[in-house]
PDB file of N, CA and C in Angstrom:
ATOM      1  N   MET A   1      -3.517  -1.563   3.746  1.00  0.00           N
ATOM      2  CA  MET A   1      -3.693  -0.338   3.030  1.00  0.00           C
ATOM      3  C   MET A   1      -4.811  -0.560   2.023  1.00  0.00           C
ATOM      4  N   LYS A   2      -5.666   0.428   1.880  1.00  0.00           N
ATOM      5  CA  LYS A   2      -6.830   0.299   1.007  1.00  0.00           C
ATOM      6  C   LYS A   2      -6.895   1.445   0.012  1.00  0.00           C
ATOM      7  N   VAL A   3      -7.519   1.160  -1.128  1.00  0.00           N
ATOM      8  CA  VAL A   3      -7.712   2.163  -2.174  1.00  0.00           C
ATOM      9  C   VAL A   3      -9.216   2.362  -2.351  1.00  0.00           C
ATOM     10  N   PHE A   4      -9.631   3.620  -2.270  1.00  0.00           N
ATOM     11  CA  PHE A   4     -11.028   3.973  -2.477  1.00  0.00           C
ATOM     12  C   PHE A   4     -11.169   4.582  -3.869  1.00  0.00           C
ATOM     13  N   ASP A   5     -12.207   4.194  -4.598  1.00  0.00           N
ATOM     14  CA  ASP A   5     -12.449   4.736  -5.937  1.00  0.00           C
ATOM     15  C   ASP A   5     -12.927   6.183  -5.893  1.00  0.00           C
ATOM     16  N   SER A   6     -13.575   6.549  -4.797  1.00  0.00           N
ATOM     17  CA  SER A   6     -14.083   7.907  -4.629  1.00  0.00           C
ATOM     18  C   SER A   6     -14.325   8.157  -3.149  1.00  0.00           C
ATOM     19  N   LEU A   7     -14.690   9.380  -2.798  1.00  0.00           N
ATOM     20  CA  LEU A   7     -14.977   9.701  -1.408  1.00  0.00           C
ATOM     21  C   LEU A   7     -16.214   8.973  -0.894  1.00  0.00           C
ATOM     22  N   SER A   8     -17.091   8.587  -1.795  1.00  0.00           N
ATOM     23  CA  SER A   8     -18.318   7.914  -1.376  1.00  0.00           C
ATOM     24  C   SER A   8     -18.226   6.389  -1.524  1.00  0.00           C
ATOM     25  N   ASP A   9     -17.069   5.856  -1.874  1.00  0.00           N
ATOM     26  CA  ASP A   9     -16.883   4.408  -2.069  1.00  0.00           C
ATOM     27  C   ASP A   9     -16.927   3.685  -0.724  1.00  0.00           C
ATOM     28  N   PRO A  10     -17.954   2.851  -0.473  1.00  0.00           N
ATOM     29  CA  PRO A  10     -18.041   2.136   0.794  1.00  0.00           C
ATOM     30  C   PRO A  10     -17.254   0.813   0.801  1.00  0.00           C
ATOM     31  N   THR A  11     -16.762   0.396  -0.355  1.00  0.00           N
ATOM     32  CA  THR A  11     -16.063  -0.889  -0.446  1.00  0.00           C
ATOM     33  C   THR A  11     -14.691  -0.720  -1.113  1.00  0.00           C
ATOM     34  N   PRO A  12     -13.679  -0.349  -0.338  1.00  0.00           N
ATOM     35  CA  PRO A  12     -12.350  -0.142  -0.902  1.00  0.00           C
ATOM     36  C   PRO A  12     -11.696  -1.453  -1.326  1.00  0.00           C
ATOM     37  N   THR A  13     -10.704  -1.323  -2.191  1.00  0.00           N
ATOM     38  CA  THR A  13      -9.892  -2.458  -2.615  1.00  0.00           C
ATOM     39  C   THR A  13      -8.667  -2.521  -1.705  1.00  0.00           C
ATOM     40  N   VAL A  14      -8.317  -3.720  -1.262  1.00  0.00           N
ATOM     41  CA  VAL A  14      -7.117  -3.873  -0.443  1.00  0.00           C
ATOM     42  C   VAL A  14      -5.906  -3.796  -1.367  1.00  0.00           C
ATOM     43  N   PHE A  15      -5.052  -2.793  -1.143  1.00  0.00           N
ATOM     44  CA  PHE A  15      -3.834  -2.632  -1.933  1.00  0.00           C
ATOM     45  C   PHE A  15      -2.748  -3.564  -1.396  1.00  0.00           C
ATOM     46  N   ALA A  16      -2.516  -3.539  -0.100  1.00  0.00           N
ATOM     47  CA  ALA A  16      -1.510  -4.388   0.539  1.00  0.00           C
ATOM     48  C   ALA A  16      -1.947  -4.688   1.962  1.00  0.00           C
ATOM     49  N   ASP A  17      -1.829  -5.931   2.362  1.00  0.00           N
ATOM     50  CA  ASP A  17      -2.174  -6.328   3.722  1.00  0.00           C
ATOM     51  C   ASP A  17      -0.874  -6.492   4.512  1.00  0.00           C
ATOM     52  N   LEU A  18      -0.541  -5.487   5.302  1.00  0.00           N
ATOM     53  CA  LEU A  18       0.684  -5.503   6.092  1.00  0.00           C
ATOM     54  C   LEU A  18       0.407  -5.737   7.578  1.00  0.00           C
ATOM     55  N   ARG A  19      -0.801  -6.192   7.900  1.00  0.00           N
ATOM     56  CA  ARG A  19      -1.199  -6.323   9.307  1.00  0.00           C
ATOM     57  C   ARG A  19      -0.233  -7.173  10.126  1.00  0.00           C
ATOM     58  N   THR A  20       0.274  -8.257   9.576  1.00  0.00           N
ATOM     59  CA  THR A  20       1.177  -9.128  10.328  1.00  0.00           C
ATOM     60  C   THR A  20       2.483  -8.416  10.655  1.00  0.00           C
ATOM     61  N   ASN A  21       2.963  -7.565   9.760  1.00  0.00           N
ATOM     62  CA  ASN A  21       4.234  -6.868   9.965  1.00  0.00           C
ATOM     63  C   ASN A  21       4.118  -5.613  10.814  1.00  0.00           C
ATOM     64  N   VAL A  22       2.981  -4.940  10.769  1.00  0.00           N
ATOM     65  CA  VAL A  22       2.830  -3.644  11.445  1.00  0.00           C
ATOM     66  C   VAL A  22       2.389  -3.841  12.888  1.00  0.00           C
ATOM     67  N   ASN A  23       3.120  -3.229  13.807  1.00  0.00           N
ATOM     68  CA  ASN A  23       2.728  -3.219  15.208  1.00  0.00           C
ATOM     69  C   ASN A  23       1.864  -1.987  15.431  1.00  0.00           C
ATOM     70  N   ASP A  24       0.658  -2.194  15.944  1.00  0.00           N
ATOM     71  CA  ASP A  24      -0.260  -1.067  16.105  1.00  0.00           C
ATOM     72  C   ASP A  24      -0.584  -0.750  17.563  1.00  0.00           C
ATOM     73  N   TYR A  25       0.262  -1.206  18.479  1.00  0.00           N
ATOM     74  CA  TYR A  25       0.020  -0.924  19.888  1.00  0.00           C
ATOM     75  C   TYR A  25       0.296   0.551  20.197  1.00  0.00           C
ATOM     76  N   SER A  26      -0.570   1.175  20.952  1.00  0.00           N
ATOM     77  CA  SER A  26      -0.433   2.549  21.420  1.00  0.00           C
ATOM     78  C   SER A  26      -0.258   3.512  20.246  1.00  0.00           C
ATOM     79  N   ASP A  27       0.868   4.221  20.185  1.00  0.00           N
ATOM     80  CA  ASP A  27       1.066   5.206  19.115  1.00  0.00           C
ATOM     81  C   ASP A  27       1.839   4.626  17.928  1.00  0.00           C
ATOM     82  N   HIS A  28       1.951   3.320  17.860  1.00  0.00           N
ATOM     83  CA  HIS A  28       2.643   2.657  16.756  1.00  0.00           C
ATOM     84  C   HIS A  28       1.702   2.478  15.570  1.00  0.00           C
ATOM     85  N   GLY A  29       2.233   2.001  14.452  1.00  0.00           N
ATOM     86  CA  GLY A  29       1.415   1.719  13.278  1.00  0.00           C
ATOM     87  C   GLY A  29       2.064   2.239  12.012  1.00  0.00           C
ATOM     88  N   LEU A  30       1.237   2.569  11.039  1.00  0.00           N
ATOM     89  CA  LEU A  30       1.715   3.152   9.793  1.00  0.00           C
ATOM     90  C   LEU A  30       2.085   4.598  10.074  1.00  0.00           C
ATOM     91  N   VAL A  31       3.349   4.942   9.869  1.00  0.00           N
ATOM     92  CA  VAL A  31       3.850   6.274  10.202  1.00  0.00           C
ATOM     93  C   VAL A  31       3.796   7.197   8.994  1.00  0.00           C
ATOM     94  N   GLY A  32       4.060   6.660   7.818  1.00  0.00           N
ATOM     95  CA  GLY A  32       4.061   7.487   6.628  1.00  0.00           C
ATOM     96  C   GLY A  32       3.874   6.666   5.366  1.00  0.00           C
ATOM     97  N   LEU A  33       3.408   7.342   4.325  1.00  0.00           N
ATOM     98  CA  LEU A  33       3.161   6.720   3.038  1.00  0.00           C
ATOM     99  C   LEU A  33       3.423   7.770   1.968  1.00  0.00           C
ATOM    100  N   ALA A  34       4.126   7.382   0.909  1.00  0.00           N
ATOM    101  CA  ALA A  34       4.417   8.331  -0.170  1.00  0.00           C
ATOM    102  C   ALA A  34       4.468   7.594  -1.499  1.00  0.00           C
ATOM    103  N   LEU A  35       4.016   8.273  -2.539  1.00  0.00           N
ATOM    104  CA  LEU A  35       4.129   7.745  -3.896  1.00  0.00           C
ATOM    105  C   LEU A  35       5.448   8.208  -4.491  1.00  0.00           C
ATOM    106  N   ASP A  36       6.040   7.395  -5.357  1.00  0.00           N
ATOM    107  CA  ASP A  36       7.231   7.799  -6.075  1.00  0.00           C
ATOM    108  C   ASP A  36       6.931   9.096  -6.818  1.00  0.00           C
ATOM    109  N   PRO A  37       7.861  10.043  -6.872  1.00  0.00           N
ATOM    110  CA  PRO A  37       7.607  11.304  -7.571  1.00  0.00           C
ATOM    111  C   PRO A  37       7.220  11.122  -9.039  1.00  0.00           C
ATOM    112  N   SER A  38       7.606  10.000  -9.643  1.00  0.00           N
ATOM    113  CA  SER A  38       7.254   9.733 -11.045  1.00  0.00           C
ATOM    114  C   SER A  38       6.086   8.759 -11.182  1.00  0.00           C
ATOM    115  N   PHE A  39       5.317   8.582 -10.101  1.00  0.00           N
ATOM    116  CA  PHE A  39       4.149   7.689 -10.137  1.00  0.00           C
ATOM    117  C   PHE A  39       3.144   8.219 -11.162  1.00  0.00           C
ATOM    118  N   PRO A  40       2.533   7.423 -12.012  1.00  0.00           N
ATOM    119  CA  PRO A  40       2.562   5.970 -12.096  1.00  0.00           C
ATOM    120  C   PRO A  40       3.634   5.403 -13.039  1.00  0.00           C
ATOM    121  N   THR A  41       4.456   6.261 -13.673  1.00  0.00           N
ATOM    122  CA  THR A  41       5.517   5.741 -14.532  1.00  0.00           C
ATOM    123  C   THR A  41       6.425   4.813 -13.739  1.00  0.00           C
ATOM    124  N   LYS A  42       6.782   5.231 -12.531  1.00  0.00           N
ATOM    125  CA  LYS A  42       7.495   4.366 -11.591  1.00  0.00           C
ATOM    126  C   LYS A  42       6.475   4.000 -10.527  1.00  0.00           C
ATOM    127  N   PRO A  43       5.894   2.805 -10.616  1.00  0.00           N
ATOM    128  CA  PRO A  43       4.734   2.460  -9.782  1.00  0.00           C
ATOM    129  C   PRO A  43       5.084   2.006  -8.370  1.00  0.00           C
ATOM    130  N   TYR A  44       5.774   2.874  -7.636  1.00  0.00           N
ATOM    131  CA  TYR A  44       6.209   2.492  -6.299  1.00  0.00           C
ATOM    132  C   TYR A  44       5.504   3.299  -5.218  1.00  0.00           C
ATOM    133  N   VAL A  45       5.190   2.606  -4.136  1.00  0.00           N
ATOM    134  CA  VAL A  45       4.597   3.203  -2.942  1.00  0.00           C
ATOM    135  C   VAL A  45       5.572   2.923  -1.807  1.00  0.00           C
ATOM    136  N   TYR A  46       5.972   3.966  -1.095  1.00  0.00           N
ATOM    137  CA  TYR A  46       6.900   3.828   0.019  1.00  0.00           C
ATOM    138  C   TYR A  46       6.122   3.911   1.323  1.00  0.00           C
ATOM    139  N   VAL A  47       6.423   2.987   2.235  1.00  0.00           N
ATOM    140  CA  VAL A  47       5.732   2.954   3.523  1.00  0.00           C
ATOM    141  C   VAL A  47       6.747   2.929   4.660  1.00  0.00           C
ATOM    142  N   LEU A  48       6.459   3.704   5.684  1.00  0.00           N
ATOM    143  CA  LEU A  48       7.260   3.734   6.904  1.00  0.00           C
ATOM    144  C   LEU A  48       6.328   3.286   8.017  1.00  0.00           C
ATOM    145  N   TYR A  49       6.736   2.243   8.739  1.00  0.00           N
ATOM    146  CA  TYR A  49       5.856   1.728   9.790  1.00  0.00           C
ATOM    147  C   TYR A  49       6.639   1.100  10.933  1.00  0.00           C
ATOM    148  N   THR A  50       5.934   0.888  12.036  1.00  0.00           N
ATOM    149  CA  THR A  50       6.496   0.200  13.187  1.00  0.00           C
ATOM    150  C   THR A  50       6.428  -1.293  12.915  1.00  0.00           C
ATOM    151  N   TYR A  51       7.598  -1.913  12.798  1.00  0.00           N
ATOM    152  CA  TYR A  51       7.691  -3.344  12.498  1.00  0.00           C
ATOM    153  C   TYR A  51       7.508  -4.134  13.781  1.00  0.00           C
ATOM    154  N   ASP A  52       6.658  -5.139  13.749  1.00  0.00           N
ATOM    155  CA  ASP A  52       6.283  -5.921  14.934  1.00  0.00           C
ATOM    156  C   ASP A  52       7.334  -6.978  15.269  1.00  0.00           C
ATOM    157  N   ALA A  53       8.585  -6.545  15.386  1.00  0.00           N
ATOM    158  CA  ALA A  53       9.692  -7.419  15.780  1.00  0.00           C
ATOM    159  C   ALA A  53      10.907  -6.547  16.033  1.00  0.00           C
ATOM    160  N   ALA A  54      11.887  -7.123  16.685  1.00  0.00           N
ATOM    161  CA  ALA A  54      13.158  -6.424  16.852  1.00  0.00           C
ATOM    162  C   ALA A  54      13.889  -6.413  15.517  1.00  0.00           C
ATOM    163  N   ILE A  55      14.926  -5.593  15.389  1.00  0.00           N
ATOM    164  CA  ILE A  55      15.701  -5.543  14.158  1.00  0.00           C
ATOM    165  C   ILE A  55      16.221  -6.943  13.838  1.00  0.00           C
ATOM    166  N   GLY A  56      15.961  -7.386  12.621  1.00  0.00           N
ATOM    167  CA  GLY A  56      16.388  -8.724  12.196  1.00  0.00           C
ATOM    168  C   GLY A  56      15.458  -9.838  12.633  1.00  0.00           C
ATOM    169  N   GLY A  57      14.436  -9.497  13.415  1.00  0.00           N
ATOM    170  CA  GLY A  57      13.491 -10.504  13.896  1.00  0.00           C
ATOM    171  C   GLY A  57      12.391 -10.775  12.889  1.00  0.00           C
ATOM    172  N   THR A  58      11.521 -11.699  13.244  1.00  0.00           N
ATOM    173  CA  THR A  58      10.414 -12.081  12.379  1.00  0.00           C
ATOM    174  C   THR A  58       9.098 -11.670  13.028  1.00  0.00           C
ATOM    175  N   ALA A  59       8.276 -10.979  12.256  1.00  0.00           N
ATOM    176  CA  ALA A  59       6.950 -10.561  12.742  1.00  0.00           C
ATOM    177  C   ALA A  59       5.971 -11.716  12.590  1.00  0.00           C
ATOM    178  N   PRO A  60       4.974 -11.764  13.438  1.00  0.00           N
ATOM    179  CA  PRO A  60       4.697 -10.847  14.538  1.00  0.00           C
ATOM    180  C   PRO A  60       5.330 -11.320  15.846  1.00  0.00           C
ATOM    181  N   LEU A  61       5.844 -10.375  16.591  1.00  0.00           N
ATOM    182  CA  LEU A  61       6.395 -10.677  17.905  1.00  0.00           C
ATOM    183  C   LEU A  61       5.308 -10.548  18.970  1.00  0.00           C
ATOM    184  N   TRP A  62       4.448  -9.525  18.853  1.00  0.00           N
ATOM    185  CA  TRP A  62       3.455  -9.241  19.884  1.00  0.00           C
ATOM    186  C   TRP A  62       2.033  -9.559  19.462  1.00  0.00           C
ATOM    187  N   GLY A  63       1.765  -9.735  18.214  1.00  0.00           N
ATOM    188  CA  GLY A  63       0.415 -10.041  17.768  1.00  0.00           C
ATOM    189  C   GLY A  63       0.346 -11.435  17.185  1.00  0.00           C
ATOM    190  N   ALA A  64      -0.645 -11.665  16.341  1.00  0.00           N
ATOM    191  CA  ALA A  64      -0.812 -12.948  15.654  1.00  0.00           C
ATOM    192  C   ALA A  64      -0.951 -12.669  14.161  1.00  0.00           C
ATOM    193  N   PRO A  65      -0.477 -13.563  13.317  1.00  0.00           N
ATOM    194  CA  PRO A  65      -0.582 -13.338  11.869  1.00  0.00           C
ATOM    195  C   PRO A  65      -2.011 -13.027  11.438  1.00  0.00           C
ATOM    196  N   GLY A  66      -2.158 -11.984  10.612  1.00  0.00           N
ATOM    197  CA  GLY A  66      -3.462 -11.614  10.079  1.00  0.00           C
ATOM    198  C   GLY A  66      -4.366 -10.868  11.033  1.00  0.00           C
ATOM    199  N   GLN A  67      -3.936 -10.613  12.249  1.00  0.00           N
ATOM    200  CA  GLN A  67      -4.758  -9.895  13.226  1.00  0.00           C
ATOM    201  C   GLN A  67      -4.513  -8.397  13.099  1.00  0.00           C
ATOM    202  N   THR A  68      -5.484  -7.614  13.516  1.00  0.00           N
ATOM    203  CA  THR A  68      -5.361  -6.162  13.406  1.00  0.00           C
ATOM    204  C   THR A  68      -5.079  -5.483  14.733  1.00  0.00           C
ATOM    205  N   SER A  69      -4.865  -6.247  15.788  1.00  0.00           N
ATOM    206  CA  SER A  69      -4.637  -5.647  17.092  1.00  0.00           C
ATOM    207  C   SER A  69      -3.450  -6.321  17.765  1.00  0.00           C
ATOM    208  N   ASP A  70      -2.487  -5.508  18.233  1.00  0.00           N
ATOM    209  CA  ASP A  70      -1.318  -6.020  18.936  1.00  0.00           C
ATOM    210  C   ASP A  70      -1.363  -5.555  20.378  1.00  0.00           C
ATOM    211  N   ASP A  71      -1.179  -6.494  21.293  1.00  0.00           N
ATOM    212  CA  ASP A  71      -1.118  -6.151  22.702  1.00  0.00           C
ATOM    213  C   ASP A  71       0.332  -6.072  23.138  1.00  0.00           C
ATOM    214  N   CYS A  72       0.557  -5.378  24.209  1.00  0.00           N
ATOM    215  CA  CYS A  72       1.863  -5.320  24.847  1.00  0.00           C
ATOM    216  C   CYS A  72       1.652  -5.823  26.268  1.00  0.00           C
ATOM    217  N   PRO A  73       2.119  -7.040  26.581  1.00  0.00           N
ATOM    218  CA  PRO A  73       1.852  -7.598  27.907  1.00  0.00           C
ATOM    219  C   PRO A  73       2.579  -6.877  29.044  1.00  0.00           C
ATOM    220  N   THR A  74       3.603  -6.083  28.722  1.00  0.00           N
ATOM    221  CA  THR A  74       4.355  -5.360  29.749  1.00  0.00           C
ATOM    222  C   THR A  74       4.475  -3.886  29.370  1.00  0.00           C
ATOM    223  N   PRO A  75       3.357  -3.148  29.339  1.00  0.00           N
ATOM    224  CA  PRO A  75       3.408  -1.759  28.873  1.00  0.00           C
ATOM    225  C   PRO A  75       4.327  -0.857  29.708  1.00  0.00           C
ATOM    226  N   ASP A  76       4.477  -1.130  31.011  1.00  0.00           N
ATOM    227  CA  ASP A  76       5.360  -0.295  31.825  1.00  0.00           C
ATOM    228  C   ASP A  76       6.828  -0.496  31.446  1.00  0.00           C
ATOM    229  N   ALA A  77       7.180  -1.726  31.080  1.00  0.00           N
ATOM    230  CA  ALA A  77       8.559  -2.040  30.691  1.00  0.00           C
ATOM    231  C   ALA A  77       8.776  -1.809  29.202  1.00  0.00           C
ATOM    232  N   GLY A  78       7.699  -1.800  28.460  1.00  0.00           N
ATOM    233  CA  GLY A  78       7.795  -1.609  27.017  1.00  0.00           C
ATOM    234  C   GLY A  78       7.857  -2.931  26.277  1.00  0.00           C
ATOM    235  N   CYS A  79       7.555  -2.870  25.019  1.00  0.00           N
ATOM    236  CA  CYS A  79       7.606  -4.030  24.150  1.00  0.00           C
ATOM    237  C   CYS A  79       8.439  -3.655  22.935  1.00  0.00           C
ATOM    238  N   PRO A  80       9.682  -4.095  22.881  1.00  0.00           N
ATOM    239  CA  PRO A  80      10.578  -3.671  21.804  1.00  0.00           C
ATOM    240  C   PRO A  80      10.065  -4.029  20.411  1.00  0.00           C
ATOM    241  N   VAL A  81      10.109  -3.048  19.555  1.00  0.00           N
ATOM    242  CA  VAL A  81       9.764  -3.207  18.143  1.00  0.00           C
ATOM    243  C   VAL A  81      10.780  -2.363  17.362  1.00  0.00           C
ATOM    244  N   SER A  82      10.687  -2.372  16.060  1.00  0.00           N
ATOM    245  CA  SER A  82      11.638  -1.606  15.257  1.00  0.00           C
ATOM    246  C   SER A  82      10.906  -0.811  14.192  1.00  0.00           C
ATOM    247  N   GLY A  83      11.663  -0.002  13.465  1.00  0.00           N
ATOM    248  CA  GLY A  83      11.098   0.782  12.382  1.00  0.00           C
ATOM    249  C   GLY A  83      11.506   0.192  11.050  1.00  0.00           C
ATOM    250  N   ARG A  84      10.647   0.347  10.065  1.00  0.00           N
ATOM    251  CA  ARG A  84      10.918  -0.217   8.745  1.00  0.00           C
ATOM    252  C   ARG A  84      10.443   0.738   7.662  1.00  0.00           C
ATOM    253  N   LEU A  85      11.292   0.927   6.665  1.00  0.00           N
ATOM    254  CA  LEU A  85      10.950   1.675   5.464  1.00  0.00           C
ATOM    255  C   LEU A  85      11.004   0.695   4.300  1.00  0.00           C
ATOM    256  N   SER A  86       9.905   0.572   3.580  1.00  0.00           N
ATOM    257  CA  SER A  86       9.813  -0.398   2.491  1.00  0.00           C
ATOM    258  C   SER A  86       9.246   0.218   1.232  1.00  0.00           C
ATOM    259  N   ARG A  87       9.491  -0.468   0.129  1.00  0.00           N
ATOM    260  CA  ARG A  87       8.933  -0.071  -1.160  1.00  0.00           C
ATOM    261  C   ARG A  87       8.021  -1.189  -1.641  1.00  0.00           C
ATOM    262  N   LEU A  88       6.827  -0.791  -2.055  1.00  0.00           N
ATOM    263  CA  LEU A  88       5.842  -1.719  -2.608  1.00  0.00           C
ATOM    264  C   LEU A  88       5.617  -1.339  -4.065  1.00  0.00           C
ATOM    265  N   GLN A  89       5.413  -2.330  -4.913  1.00  0.00           N
ATOM    266  CA  GLN A  89       5.154  -2.047  -6.324  1.00  0.00           C
ATOM    267  C   GLN A  89       3.665  -2.186  -6.596  1.00  0.00           C
ATOM    268  N   ALA A  90       3.131  -1.196  -7.306  1.00  0.00           N
ATOM    269  CA  ALA A  90       1.706  -1.175  -7.617  1.00  0.00           C
ATOM    270  C   ALA A  90       1.462  -1.625  -9.053  1.00  0.00           C
ATOM    271  N   SER A  91       0.352  -2.309  -9.225  1.00  0.00           N
ATOM    272  CA  SER A  91      -0.189  -2.605 -10.550  1.00  0.00           C
ATOM    273  C   SER A  91      -1.673  -2.313 -10.439  1.00  0.00           C
ATOM    274  N   GLY A  92      -2.079  -1.156 -10.973  1.00  0.00           N
ATOM    275  CA  GLY A  92      -3.461  -0.724 -10.755  1.00  0.00           C
ATOM    276  C   GLY A  92      -3.641  -0.417  -9.288  1.00  0.00           C
ATOM    277  N   ASN A  93      -4.667  -0.994  -8.698  1.00  0.00           N
ATOM    278  CA  ASN A  93      -4.984  -0.746  -7.291  1.00  0.00           C
ATOM    279  C   ASN A  93      -4.496  -1.856  -6.368  1.00  0.00           C
ATOM    280  N   GLN A  94      -3.528  -2.668  -6.822  1.00  0.00           N
ATOM    281  CA  GLN A  94      -3.043  -3.754  -5.972  1.00  0.00           C
ATOM    282  C   GLN A  94      -1.526  -3.818  -5.989  1.00  0.00           C
ATOM    283  N   MET A  95      -0.991  -4.275  -4.876  1.00  0.00           N
ATOM    284  CA  MET A  95       0.444  -4.498  -4.779  1.00  0.00           C
ATOM    285  C   MET A  95       0.784  -5.772  -5.523  1.00  0.00           C
ATOM    286  N   VAL A  96       1.910  -5.757  -6.237  1.00  0.00           N
ATOM    287  CA  VAL A  96       2.412  -6.957  -6.904  1.00  0.00           C
ATOM    288  C   VAL A  96       3.814  -7.241  -6.384  1.00  0.00           C
ATOM    289  N   GLY A  97       4.193  -8.487  -6.380  1.00  0.00           N
ATOM    290  CA  GLY A  97       5.508  -8.857  -5.880  1.00  0.00           C
ATOM    291  C   GLY A  97       5.569  -8.786  -4.375  1.00  0.00           C
ATOM    292  N   ASN A  98       6.788  -8.786  -3.869  1.00  0.00           N
ATOM    293  CA  ASN A  98       7.015  -8.772  -2.431  1.00  0.00           C
ATOM    294  C   ASN A  98       7.427  -7.389  -1.950  1.00  0.00           C
ATOM    295  N   GLU A  99       7.197  -7.146  -0.689  1.00  0.00           N
ATOM    296  CA  GLU A  99       7.669  -5.921  -0.044  1.00  0.00           C
ATOM    297  C   GLU A  99       9.198  -5.888  -0.136  1.00  0.00           C
ATOM    298  N   GLN A 100       9.749  -4.773  -0.554  1.00  0.00           N
ATOM    299  CA  GLN A 100      11.195  -4.608  -0.596  1.00  0.00           C
ATOM    300  C   GLN A 100      11.602  -3.728   0.573  1.00  0.00           C
ATOM    301  N   VAL A 101      12.242  -4.328   1.569  1.00  0.00           N
ATOM    302  CA  VAL A 101      12.669  -3.587   2.743  1.00  0.00           C
ATOM    303  C   VAL A 101      13.899  -2.770   2.376  1.00  0.00           C
ATOM    304  N   LEU A 102      13.810  -1.463   2.559  1.00  0.00           N
ATOM    305  CA  LEU A 102      14.923  -0.557   2.234  1.00  0.00           C
ATOM    306  C   LEU A 102      15.770  -0.253   3.452  1.00  0.00           C
ATOM    307  N   VAL A 103      15.112  -0.005   4.575  1.00  0.00           N
ATOM    308  CA  VAL A 103      15.818   0.297   5.827  1.00  0.00           C
ATOM    309  C   VAL A 103      15.073  -0.372   6.974  1.00  0.00           C
ATOM    310  N   GLU A 104      15.835  -1.072   7.822  1.00  0.00           N
ATOM    311  CA  GLU A 104      15.308  -1.628   9.078  1.00  0.00           C
ATOM    312  C   GLU A 104      16.448  -1.499  10.067  1.00  0.00           C
ATOM    313  N   ASP A 105      16.503  -0.335  10.715  1.00  0.00           N
ATOM    314  CA  ASP A 105      17.738  -0.016  11.405  1.00  0.00           C
ATOM    315  C   ASP A 105      17.568   0.782  12.686  1.00  0.00           C
ATOM    316  N   TRP A 106      16.399   0.797  13.278  1.00  0.00           N
ATOM    317  CA  TRP A 106      16.249   1.546  14.521  1.00  0.00           C
ATOM    318  C   TRP A 106      15.185   0.881  15.386  1.00  0.00           C
ATOM    319  N   CYS A 107      15.351   1.034  16.673  1.00  0.00           N
ATOM    320  CA  CYS A 107      14.412   0.442  17.638  1.00  0.00           C
ATOM    321  C   CYS A 107      13.419   1.497  18.078  1.00  0.00           C
ATOM    322  N   GLN A 108      12.248   1.036  18.478  1.00  0.00           N
ATOM    323  CA  GLN A 108      11.226   1.940  18.992  1.00  0.00           C
ATOM    324  C   GLN A 108      10.807   1.456  20.358  1.00  0.00           C
TER     325      GLN A 108
END
């Protein structure tokens, strides 16, 4: 996830690097993003994404750590992944602390 200072900013700041956790094969990836209603007083960013592992598994299952592309070696049979809703804490334009997983409870 990146933060741009303006519409003409060619060099965004990386807010959070979730590439290892996010499965981006086909229609997967970052599904939603929302700021806490009291942002910036409550500096939380909520993200919903396709997690690159089965429920309870460890990412990446289909890609490689730090890579931006996930393959599915058996697209006809599918490549099981799960959904994840997490909370990230912001300090300025960067995430601080660890991702707090709120829900990881469905397969895709």
